[in-house]
Amino acid sequence: MEKLRPKRLGHLVLAVRDIHASVKFYTEIMGLQVSDWISDQMVFLRAGSDHHDLALSQIPKDSPDINDLPRYNRPGMEHFSYLVEDRAEMERTAEVLKQHGVEIVRGIGKHGPGENLFLVFKDPDGNNVEVYCEMTQITPESDYQPKIWERNIESFDQYRFKHFVVPPPQAMIDAKTNKKN
């Protein structure tokens, strides 16, 4: 059977208890730069030229301190990612995952912040693994200004699920439906 062809480890998304305290830590102590926000619920940070190599996602304030994968109401990793060559390689990746019986969680889509294509699937322990490509590059010469995106379908998937290889998450379908009403 075929294998995936990742080029390098990409970014990590962490669920955090206090996004503002975490942003302060990662910018003022670690020296990362803010690339974009989604409302006050998610922030994208960078050390290099990739739009983000770390993203932080606010967990609900009333979440108990539990450690039960794959729920996302506790601090810790939401997903980590690997860069693939291009969209054709991402489509091939989806087929390889299906051949191996790997659970695909979401994608193929295109995020708003970072503009990257994404495909998320589960490893044997239930961790979310993402392959991505075509991420926005921010160089010192570029005049990139951080943006605050609304928390909606456009920030999650600019393609509006048209290229998903699995049904989209119910919460996103509900959000898309409510936006039309």
N, C-alpha and C. Protein backbone atom coordinates (compact mmCIF):
# COMPACT_ATOMS: atom_id res chain seq x y z
N MET A 1 0.83 -1.20 0.00
CA MET A 1 0.00 0.00 0.00
C MET A 1 0.87 1.25 0.00
N GLU A 2 0.31 2.31 -0.52
CA GLU A 2 1.02 3.58 -0.58
C GLU A 2 1.15 4.21 0.80
N LYS A 3 2.10 5.14 0.91
CA LYS A 3 2.33 5.90 2.14
C LYS A 3 2.11 7.38 1.86
N LEU A 4 1.93 8.14 2.93
CA LEU A 4 1.87 9.60 2.81
C LEU A 4 3.27 10.13 2.53
N ARG A 5 3.35 11.37 2.03
CA ARG A 5 4.64 11.96 1.70
C ARG A 5 4.78 13.35 2.33
N PRO A 6 4.89 13.41 3.66
CA PRO A 6 5.06 14.72 4.30
C PRO A 6 6.45 15.29 4.00
N LYS A 7 6.51 16.64 3.93
CA LYS A 7 7.78 17.31 3.68
C LYS A 7 8.48 17.72 4.98
N ARG A 8 7.70 18.17 5.95
CA ARG A 8 8.25 18.58 7.24
C ARG A 8 7.12 18.76 8.24
N LEU A 9 7.49 18.75 9.52
CA LEU A 9 6.54 19.06 10.58
C LEU A 9 6.12 20.52 10.42
N GLY A 10 4.86 20.80 10.60
CA GLY A 10 4.34 22.15 10.38
C GLY A 10 4.00 22.87 11.66
N HIS A 11 2.72 23.07 11.91
CA HIS A 11 2.27 23.85 13.06
C HIS A 11 1.57 22.96 14.09
N LEU A 12 1.34 23.56 15.25
CA LEU A 12 0.67 22.91 16.37
C LEU A 12 -0.45 23.82 16.84
N VAL A 13 -1.59 23.24 17.20
CA VAL A 13 -2.69 24.01 17.78
C VAL A 13 -2.90 23.50 19.21
N LEU A 14 -2.87 24.43 20.15
CA LEU A 14 -3.09 24.11 21.56
C LEU A 14 -4.40 24.71 22.04
N ALA A 15 -5.14 23.96 22.83
CA ALA A 15 -6.30 24.47 23.54
C ALA A 15 -5.78 25.03 24.87
N VAL A 16 -6.19 26.27 25.20
CA VAL A 16 -5.66 26.95 26.39
C VAL A 16 -6.80 27.46 27.27
N ARG A 17 -6.52 27.60 28.55
CA ARG A 17 -7.52 28.10 29.51
C ARG A 17 -7.76 29.60 29.40
N ASP A 18 -6.68 30.38 29.17
CA ASP A 18 -6.78 31.84 29.12
C ASP A 18 -5.97 32.32 27.92
N ILE A 19 -6.65 32.56 26.82
CA ILE A 19 -5.96 32.87 25.57
C ILE A 19 -5.13 34.15 25.68
N HIS A 20 -5.61 35.13 26.44
CA HIS A 20 -4.87 36.39 26.55
C HIS A 20 -3.58 36.21 27.37
N ALA A 21 -3.64 35.43 28.43
CA ALA A 21 -2.43 35.14 29.21
C ALA A 21 -1.44 34.34 28.34
N SER A 22 -1.97 33.42 27.55
CA SER A 22 -1.10 32.62 26.69
C SER A 22 -0.46 33.46 25.59
N VAL A 23 -1.23 34.37 24.99
CA VAL A 23 -0.68 35.26 23.97
C VAL A 23 0.43 36.11 24.57
N LYS A 24 0.19 36.62 25.75
CA LYS A 24 1.21 37.44 26.43
C LYS A 24 2.49 36.61 26.63
N PHE A 25 2.35 35.36 27.07
CA PHE A 25 3.51 34.50 27.27
C PHE A 25 4.25 34.26 25.96
N TYR A 26 3.50 33.86 24.92
CA TYR A 26 4.16 33.49 23.67
C TYR A 26 4.70 34.69 22.89
N THR A 27 4.16 35.89 23.11
CA THR A 27 4.71 37.06 22.42
C THR A 27 5.77 37.77 23.26
N GLU A 28 5.48 38.01 24.54
CA GLU A 28 6.40 38.79 25.37
C GLU A 28 7.57 37.97 25.91
N ILE A 29 7.40 36.69 26.10
CA ILE A 29 8.49 35.86 26.63
C ILE A 29 9.13 35.03 25.53
N MET A 30 8.32 34.36 24.71
CA MET A 30 8.86 33.51 23.64
C MET A 30 9.27 34.31 22.40
N GLY A 31 8.72 35.50 22.23
CA GLY A 31 9.10 36.34 21.09
C GLY A 31 8.36 36.06 19.79
N LEU A 32 7.24 35.34 19.86
CA LEU A 32 6.46 35.08 18.64
C LEU A 32 5.67 36.33 18.25
N GLN A 33 5.20 36.36 17.01
CA GLN A 33 4.40 37.47 16.52
C GLN A 33 2.99 36.98 16.20
N VAL A 34 2.00 37.86 16.46
CA VAL A 34 0.61 37.54 16.14
C VAL A 34 0.41 37.75 14.64
N SER A 35 -0.18 36.74 13.98
CA SER A 35 -0.53 36.86 12.57
C SER A 35 -1.99 37.25 12.40
N ASP A 36 -2.89 36.56 13.07
CA ASP A 36 -4.33 36.83 12.97
C ASP A 36 -5.04 36.29 14.20
N TRP A 37 -6.27 36.75 14.39
CA TRP A 37 -7.18 36.26 15.42
C TRP A 37 -8.47 35.78 14.75
N ILE A 38 -9.16 34.85 15.37
CA ILE A 38 -10.56 34.56 15.07
C ILE A 38 -11.31 34.98 16.32
N SER A 39 -12.04 36.09 16.19
CA SER A 39 -12.74 36.68 17.32
C SER A 39 -11.75 36.77 18.48
N ASP A 40 -12.16 36.42 19.68
CA ASP A 40 -11.20 36.32 20.78
C ASP A 40 -11.08 34.86 21.21
N GLN A 41 -11.35 33.95 20.25
CA GLN A 41 -11.37 32.52 20.54
C GLN A 41 -10.15 31.76 20.01
N MET A 42 -9.42 32.35 19.04
CA MET A 42 -8.28 31.66 18.47
C MET A 42 -7.28 32.69 17.97
N VAL A 43 -6.00 32.40 18.15
CA VAL A 43 -4.95 33.30 17.69
C VAL A 43 -3.87 32.49 16.98
N PHE A 44 -3.30 33.08 15.94
CA PHE A 44 -2.28 32.42 15.13
C PHE A 44 -0.96 33.16 15.33
N LEU A 45 0.08 32.42 15.70
CA LEU A 45 1.38 33.00 16.05
C LEU A 45 2.47 32.42 15.16
N ARG A 46 3.54 33.21 14.96
CA ARG A 46 4.62 32.74 14.12
C ARG A 46 5.97 33.13 14.69
N ALA A 47 6.96 32.28 14.40
CA ALA A 47 8.35 32.57 14.72
C ALA A 47 9.12 32.85 13.44
N GLY A 48 8.64 32.29 12.33
CA GLY A 48 9.32 32.44 11.05
C GLY A 48 8.40 33.06 10.02
N SER A 49 8.48 32.56 8.78
CA SER A 49 7.70 33.15 7.69
C SER A 49 6.34 32.47 7.47
N ASP A 50 6.13 31.26 7.98
CA ASP A 50 4.80 30.64 7.88
C ASP A 50 3.80 31.51 8.64
N HIS A 51 2.60 31.65 8.10
CA HIS A 51 1.55 32.44 8.76
C HIS A 51 1.43 32.06 10.23
N HIS A 52 1.52 30.77 10.51
CA HIS A 52 1.52 30.32 11.91
C HIS A 52 2.28 29.02 12.05
N ASP A 53 3.00 28.93 13.15
CA ASP A 53 3.57 27.64 13.55
C ASP A 53 3.00 27.22 14.89
N LEU A 54 2.24 28.12 15.51
CA LEU A 54 1.51 27.82 16.73
C LEU A 54 0.19 28.56 16.68
N ALA A 55 -0.89 27.88 16.98
CA ALA A 55 -2.19 28.52 17.14
C ALA A 55 -2.72 28.13 18.52
N LEU A 56 -3.44 29.06 19.12
CA LEU A 56 -4.02 28.83 20.44
C LEU A 56 -5.53 28.96 20.33
N SER A 57 -6.24 28.04 20.95
CA SER A 57 -7.69 28.02 20.90
C SER A 57 -8.24 28.06 22.33
N GLN A 58 -9.11 29.02 22.59
CA GLN A 58 -9.70 29.20 23.92
C GLN A 58 -10.67 28.07 24.23
N ILE A 59 -10.46 27.38 25.34
CA ILE A 59 -11.45 26.40 25.78
C ILE A 59 -12.54 27.14 26.55
N PRO A 60 -13.74 26.59 26.62
CA PRO A 60 -14.80 27.26 27.39
C PRO A 60 -14.34 27.49 28.83
N LYS A 61 -14.67 28.65 29.35
CA LYS A 61 -14.22 29.05 30.70
C LYS A 61 -14.70 28.10 31.79
N ASP A 62 -15.83 27.44 31.58
CA ASP A 62 -16.40 26.56 32.61
C ASP A 62 -16.02 25.10 32.43
N SER A 63 -15.01 24.81 31.61
CA SER A 63 -14.62 23.42 31.38
C SER A 63 -13.91 22.84 32.60
N PRO A 64 -14.27 21.62 32.96
CA PRO A 64 -13.57 20.98 34.08
C PRO A 64 -12.15 20.59 33.66
N ASP A 65 -11.29 20.36 34.62
CA ASP A 65 -9.92 19.96 34.33
C ASP A 65 -9.89 18.45 34.12
N ILE A 66 -10.11 18.04 32.88
CA ILE A 66 -10.13 16.62 32.56
C ILE A 66 -9.12 16.35 31.46
N ASN A 67 -8.78 15.11 31.30
CA ASN A 67 -7.79 14.73 30.29
C ASN A 67 -8.34 13.55 29.51
N ASP A 68 -9.37 13.80 28.69
CA ASP A 68 -10.04 12.71 28.01
C ASP A 68 -10.11 12.95 26.51
N LEU A 69 -9.08 12.54 25.81
CA LEU A 69 -9.09 12.64 24.35
C LEU A 69 -10.31 11.92 23.80
N PRO A 70 -10.92 12.34 22.75
CA PRO A 70 -10.56 13.48 21.93
C PRO A 70 -11.42 14.71 22.18
N ARG A 71 -11.87 14.95 23.40
CA ARG A 71 -12.64 16.15 23.69
C ARG A 71 -11.71 17.35 23.69
N TYR A 72 -12.26 18.52 23.42
CA TYR A 72 -11.43 19.71 23.33
C TYR A 72 -11.84 20.75 24.36
N ASN A 73 -12.25 20.26 25.53
CA ASN A 73 -12.63 21.17 26.60
C ASN A 73 -11.60 21.11 27.73
N ARG A 74 -10.39 20.68 27.38
CA ARG A 74 -9.30 20.63 28.35
C ARG A 74 -8.06 21.21 27.68
N PRO A 75 -7.12 21.76 28.47
CA PRO A 75 -5.89 22.28 27.87
C PRO A 75 -5.09 21.16 27.21
N GLY A 76 -4.38 21.49 26.18
CA GLY A 76 -3.53 20.51 25.52
C GLY A 76 -3.62 20.62 24.01
N MET A 77 -3.08 19.64 23.34
CA MET A 77 -3.00 19.67 21.90
C MET A 77 -4.35 19.39 21.23
N GLU A 78 -4.72 20.24 20.27
CA GLU A 78 -5.89 19.96 19.43
C GLU A 78 -5.43 19.21 18.18
N HIS A 79 -4.38 19.71 17.52
CA HIS A 79 -3.76 18.96 16.42
C HIS A 79 -2.35 19.44 16.14
N PHE A 80 -1.59 18.59 15.48
CA PHE A 80 -0.30 18.97 14.93
C PHE A 80 -0.36 18.67 13.45
N SER A 81 0.59 19.22 12.69
CA SER A 81 0.44 19.13 11.23
C SER A 81 1.76 18.85 10.52
N TYR A 82 1.60 18.37 9.29
CA TYR A 82 2.72 18.16 8.38
C TYR A 82 2.41 18.84 7.06
N LEU A 83 3.41 19.48 6.50
CA LEU A 83 3.31 20.12 5.20
C LEU A 83 3.38 19.07 4.10
N VAL A 84 2.51 19.18 3.10
CA VAL A 84 2.61 18.36 1.89
C VAL A 84 2.82 19.31 0.70
N GLU A 85 3.21 18.75 -0.41
CA GLU A 85 3.64 19.55 -1.56
C GLU A 85 2.58 20.52 -2.10
N ASP A 86 1.38 20.01 -2.38
CA ASP A 86 0.37 20.83 -3.04
C ASP A 86 -0.99 20.17 -2.93
N ARG A 87 -1.98 20.78 -3.56
CA ARG A 87 -3.35 20.26 -3.48
C ARG A 87 -3.46 18.84 -4.06
N ALA A 88 -2.75 18.56 -5.14
CA ALA A 88 -2.79 17.22 -5.73
C ALA A 88 -2.27 16.19 -4.72
N GLU A 89 -1.23 16.54 -3.99
CA GLU A 89 -0.70 15.62 -2.97
C GLU A 89 -1.68 15.47 -1.82
N MET A 90 -2.40 16.53 -1.49
CA MET A 90 -3.41 16.44 -0.43
C MET A 90 -4.54 15.50 -0.86
N GLU A 91 -4.97 15.60 -2.10
CA GLU A 91 -6.03 14.71 -2.60
C GLU A 91 -5.54 13.26 -2.62
N ARG A 92 -4.27 13.04 -3.01
CA ARG A 92 -3.69 11.70 -2.98
C ARG A 92 -3.65 11.19 -1.54
N THR A 93 -3.31 12.09 -0.60
CA THR A 93 -3.26 11.73 0.82
C THR A 93 -4.62 11.23 1.30
N ALA A 94 -5.70 11.91 0.90
CA ALA A 94 -7.05 11.47 1.31
C ALA A 94 -7.32 10.06 0.81
N GLU A 95 -6.93 9.76 -0.41
CA GLU A 95 -7.14 8.41 -0.97
C GLU A 95 -6.31 7.36 -0.23
N VAL A 96 -5.06 7.70 0.09
CA VAL A 96 -4.19 6.76 0.83
C VAL A 96 -4.78 6.49 2.22
N LEU A 97 -5.26 7.54 2.89
CA LEU A 97 -5.87 7.35 4.21
C LEU A 97 -7.07 6.42 4.13
N LYS A 98 -7.90 6.61 3.10
CA LYS A 98 -9.07 5.74 2.91
C LYS A 98 -8.63 4.29 2.68
N GLN A 99 -7.59 4.09 1.88
CA GLN A 99 -7.09 2.74 1.61
C GLN A 99 -6.64 2.05 2.90
N HIS A 100 -6.08 2.83 3.81
CA HIS A 100 -5.59 2.28 5.08
C HIS A 100 -6.68 2.24 6.16
N GLY A 101 -7.88 2.71 5.86
CA GLY A 101 -8.96 2.70 6.83
C GLY A 101 -8.79 3.72 7.94
N VAL A 102 -8.08 4.80 7.68
CA VAL A 102 -7.84 5.84 8.68
C VAL A 102 -9.04 6.79 8.72
N GLU A 103 -9.49 7.13 9.91
CA GLU A 103 -10.63 8.03 10.07
C GLU A 103 -10.26 9.45 9.69
N ILE A 104 -10.92 10.00 8.70
CA ILE A 104 -10.74 11.40 8.31
C ILE A 104 -11.78 12.22 9.08
N VAL A 105 -11.33 13.30 9.72
CA VAL A 105 -12.18 14.11 10.58
C VAL A 105 -12.76 15.31 9.86
N ARG A 106 -11.94 16.03 9.09
CA ARG A 106 -12.43 17.21 8.37
C ARG A 106 -11.49 17.55 7.21
N GLY A 107 -12.07 18.10 6.17
CA GLY A 107 -11.29 18.54 5.01
C GLY A 107 -11.61 17.69 3.80
N ILE A 108 -11.17 18.04 2.73
CA ILE A 108 -10.21 19.04 2.34
C ILE A 108 -10.94 20.39 2.32
N GLY A 109 -10.34 21.37 2.96
CA GLY A 109 -10.90 22.70 3.03
C GLY A 109 -9.80 23.73 2.92
N LYS A 110 -10.20 25.01 3.03
CA LYS A 110 -9.24 26.11 2.99
C LYS A 110 -9.57 27.07 4.12
N HIS A 111 -8.66 27.15 5.10
CA HIS A 111 -8.88 28.05 6.23
C HIS A 111 -8.81 29.51 5.78
N GLY A 112 -9.47 30.37 6.55
CA GLY A 112 -9.36 31.82 6.32
C GLY A 112 -7.99 32.29 6.76
N PRO A 113 -7.73 32.33 8.08
CA PRO A 113 -6.41 32.74 8.54
C PRO A 113 -5.34 31.77 8.03
N GLY A 114 -4.36 32.29 7.33
CA GLY A 114 -3.29 31.46 6.79
C GLY A 114 -3.55 30.98 5.38
N GLU A 115 -4.83 30.98 4.97
CA GLU A 115 -5.22 30.59 3.61
C GLU A 115 -4.80 29.17 3.23
N ASN A 116 -4.39 28.35 4.20
CA ASN A 116 -3.89 27.01 3.89
C ASN A 116 -5.01 26.01 3.67
N LEU A 117 -4.74 25.06 2.76
CA LEU A 117 -5.62 23.91 2.58
C LEU A 117 -5.36 22.96 3.73
N PHE A 118 -6.38 22.20 4.14
CA PHE A 118 -6.21 21.29 5.29
C PHE A 118 -6.99 20.00 5.10
N LEU A 119 -6.47 18.97 5.74
CA LEU A 119 -7.12 17.66 5.83
C LEU A 119 -6.70 17.09 7.18
N VAL A 120 -7.68 16.78 8.03
CA VAL A 120 -7.40 16.31 9.40
C VAL A 120 -7.89 14.87 9.55
N PHE A 121 -7.06 14.05 10.21
CA PHE A 121 -7.39 12.64 10.42
C PHE A 121 -6.87 12.20 11.78
N LYS A 122 -7.27 10.98 12.20
CA LYS A 122 -6.91 10.46 13.52
C LYS A 122 -5.74 9.49 13.43
N ASP A 123 -4.85 9.56 14.42
CA ASP A 123 -3.83 8.53 14.56
C ASP A 123 -4.40 7.41 15.43
N PRO A 124 -3.68 6.31 15.66
CA PRO A 124 -4.25 5.18 16.45
C PRO A 124 -4.68 5.55 17.87
N ASP A 125 -4.11 6.63 18.45
CA ASP A 125 -4.48 7.03 19.80
C ASP A 125 -5.55 8.11 19.85
N GLY A 126 -6.11 8.46 18.69
CA GLY A 126 -7.17 9.46 18.66
C GLY A 126 -6.68 10.89 18.54
N ASN A 127 -5.37 11.09 18.36
CA ASN A 127 -4.85 12.44 18.16
C ASN A 127 -5.22 12.93 16.77
N ASN A 128 -5.51 14.21 16.66
CA ASN A 128 -5.77 14.82 15.35
C ASN A 128 -4.44 15.15 14.68
N VAL A 129 -4.27 14.67 13.45
CA VAL A 129 -3.10 14.97 12.63
C VAL A 129 -3.62 15.70 11.40
N GLU A 130 -2.94 16.76 11.01
CA GLU A 130 -3.36 17.52 9.83
C GLU A 130 -2.25 17.50 8.79
N VAL A 131 -2.63 17.40 7.53
CA VAL A 131 -1.71 17.73 6.44
C VAL A 131 -2.23 19.03 5.85
N TYR A 132 -1.31 19.88 5.43
CA TYR A 132 -1.69 21.18 4.90
C TYR A 132 -0.73 21.58 3.79
N CYS A 133 -1.13 22.56 3.00
CA CYS A 133 -0.26 23.15 1.99
C CYS A 133 -0.75 24.56 1.68
N GLU A 134 0.07 25.28 0.95
CA GLU A 134 -0.26 26.61 0.45
C GLU A 134 -0.53 27.63 1.54
N MET A 135 0.21 27.59 2.64
CA MET A 135 0.04 28.55 3.72
C MET A 135 0.64 29.91 3.33
N THR A 136 -0.03 30.97 3.74
CA THR A 136 0.48 32.32 3.55
C THR A 136 1.86 32.44 4.16
N GLN A 137 2.75 33.11 3.44
CA GLN A 137 4.10 33.38 3.93
C GLN A 137 4.21 34.87 4.28
N ILE A 138 4.76 35.15 5.44
CA ILE A 138 4.91 36.52 5.91
C ILE A 138 6.41 36.78 6.10
N THR A 139 6.95 37.61 5.26
CA THR A 139 8.38 37.93 5.32
C THR A 139 8.55 39.33 5.91
N PRO A 140 9.77 39.65 6.36
CA PRO A 140 10.00 41.01 6.88
C PRO A 140 9.68 42.09 5.84
N GLU A 141 9.82 41.76 4.55
CA GLU A 141 9.56 42.73 3.49
C GLU A 141 8.06 42.95 3.25
N SER A 142 7.25 41.96 3.61
CA SER A 142 5.81 42.10 3.38
C SER A 142 5.23 43.06 4.40
N ASP A 143 4.18 43.75 4.00
CA ASP A 143 3.51 44.70 4.89
C ASP A 143 2.28 44.05 5.50
N TYR A 144 2.46 42.86 6.06
CA TYR A 144 1.34 42.09 6.59
C TYR A 144 0.83 42.71 7.89
N GLN A 145 -0.48 42.91 7.96
CA GLN A 145 -1.11 43.43 9.17
C GLN A 145 -2.06 42.37 9.72
N PRO A 146 -1.95 42.04 11.01
CA PRO A 146 -2.88 41.06 11.59
C PRO A 146 -4.32 41.49 11.40
N LYS A 147 -5.17 40.50 11.21
CA LYS A 147 -6.60 40.72 10.97
C LYS A 147 -7.39 39.98 12.05
N ILE A 148 -8.55 40.50 12.38
CA ILE A 148 -9.46 39.79 13.28
C ILE A 148 -10.59 39.25 12.41
N TRP A 149 -10.64 37.92 12.30
CA TRP A 149 -11.68 37.24 11.53
C TRP A 149 -12.88 36.99 12.42
N GLU A 150 -14.07 36.99 11.83
CA GLU A 150 -15.25 36.55 12.56
C GLU A 150 -15.15 35.05 12.75
N ARG A 151 -15.76 34.56 13.81
CA ARG A 151 -15.83 33.11 14.03
C ARG A 151 -17.02 32.58 13.24
N ASN A 152 -16.76 32.16 11.99
CA ASN A 152 -17.84 31.71 11.12
C ASN A 152 -17.29 30.74 10.08
N ILE A 153 -18.12 30.37 9.13
CA ILE A 153 -17.73 29.41 8.11
C ILE A 153 -16.55 29.91 7.29
N GLU A 154 -16.49 31.21 7.01
CA GLU A 154 -15.40 31.76 6.19
C GLU A 154 -14.03 31.60 6.86
N SER A 155 -13.98 31.74 8.16
CA SER A 155 -12.70 31.56 8.84
C SER A 155 -12.33 30.08 8.93
N PHE A 156 -13.34 29.21 8.98
CA PHE A 156 -13.08 27.77 9.08
C PHE A 156 -12.79 27.15 7.71
N ASP A 157 -13.66 27.39 6.73
CA ASP A 157 -13.47 26.81 5.39
C ASP A 157 -14.02 27.75 4.33
N GLN A 158 -13.13 28.42 3.62
CA GLN A 158 -13.54 29.34 2.57
C GLN A 158 -14.24 28.63 1.42
N TYR A 159 -14.01 27.33 1.26
CA TYR A 159 -14.70 26.55 0.22
C TYR A 159 -16.11 26.15 0.62
N ARG A 160 -16.47 26.39 1.88
CA ARG A 160 -17.81 26.08 2.40
C ARG A 160 -18.16 24.60 2.23
N PHE A 161 -17.22 23.73 2.54
CA PHE A 161 -17.36 22.26 2.55
C PHE A 161 -17.47 21.63 1.17
N LYS A 162 -17.31 22.38 0.10
CA LYS A 162 -17.46 21.83 -1.25
C LYS A 162 -16.45 20.74 -1.58
N HIS A 163 -15.29 20.77 -0.93
CA HIS A 163 -14.24 19.79 -1.23
C HIS A 163 -14.00 18.80 -0.08
N PHE A 164 -14.87 18.83 0.93
CA PHE A 164 -14.73 17.89 2.04
C PHE A 164 -14.90 16.46 1.52
N VAL A 165 -14.05 15.56 2.02
CA VAL A 165 -14.14 14.14 1.64
C VAL A 165 -14.94 13.34 2.67
N VAL A 166 -15.38 14.03 3.73
CA VAL A 166 -16.24 13.46 4.77
C VAL A 166 -17.31 14.51 5.09
N PRO A 167 -18.40 14.12 5.72
CA PRO A 167 -19.39 15.14 6.11
C PRO A 167 -18.75 16.15 7.05
N PRO A 168 -19.07 17.44 6.92
CA PRO A 168 -18.50 18.45 7.81
C PRO A 168 -19.04 18.32 9.23
N PRO A 169 -18.34 18.90 10.20
CA PRO A 169 -18.83 18.86 11.59
C PRO A 169 -20.21 19.49 11.70
N GLN A 170 -21.09 18.88 12.47
CA GLN A 170 -22.47 19.35 12.62
C GLN A 170 -22.53 20.80 13.09
N ALA A 171 -21.65 21.19 13.98
CA ALA A 171 -21.66 22.56 14.49
C ALA A 171 -21.42 23.56 13.36
N MET A 172 -20.58 23.19 12.39
CA MET A 172 -20.31 24.09 11.27
C MET A 172 -21.49 24.13 10.30
N ILE A 173 -22.17 23.01 10.12
CA ILE A 173 -23.37 22.98 9.28
C ILE A 173 -24.43 23.88 9.89
N ASP A 174 -24.61 23.77 11.23
CA ASP A 174 -25.58 24.60 11.92
C ASP A 174 -25.23 26.09 11.78
N ALA A 175 -23.96 26.42 11.91
CA ALA A 175 -23.52 27.81 11.78
C ALA A 175 -23.76 28.32 10.36
N LYS A 176 -23.51 27.48 9.38
CA LYS A 176 -23.72 27.86 7.97
C LYS A 176 -25.22 28.09 7.72
N THR A 177 -26.07 27.21 8.26
CA THR A 177 -27.52 27.32 8.08
C THR A 177 -28.04 28.57 8.79
N ASN A 178 -27.58 28.80 10.02
CA ASN A 178 -28.05 29.96 10.79
C ASN A 178 -27.62 31.27 10.14
N LYS A 179 -26.49 31.28 9.48
CA LYS A 179 -26.01 32.49 8.81
C LYS A 179 -26.95 32.89 7.67
N LYS A 180 -27.55 31.89 7.00
CA LYS A 180 -28.45 32.19 5.89
C LYS A 180 -29.80 32.70 6.36
N ASN A 181 -30.18 32.34 7.59
CA ASN A 181 -31.50 32.73 8.10
C ASN A 181 -31.52 34.15 8.60
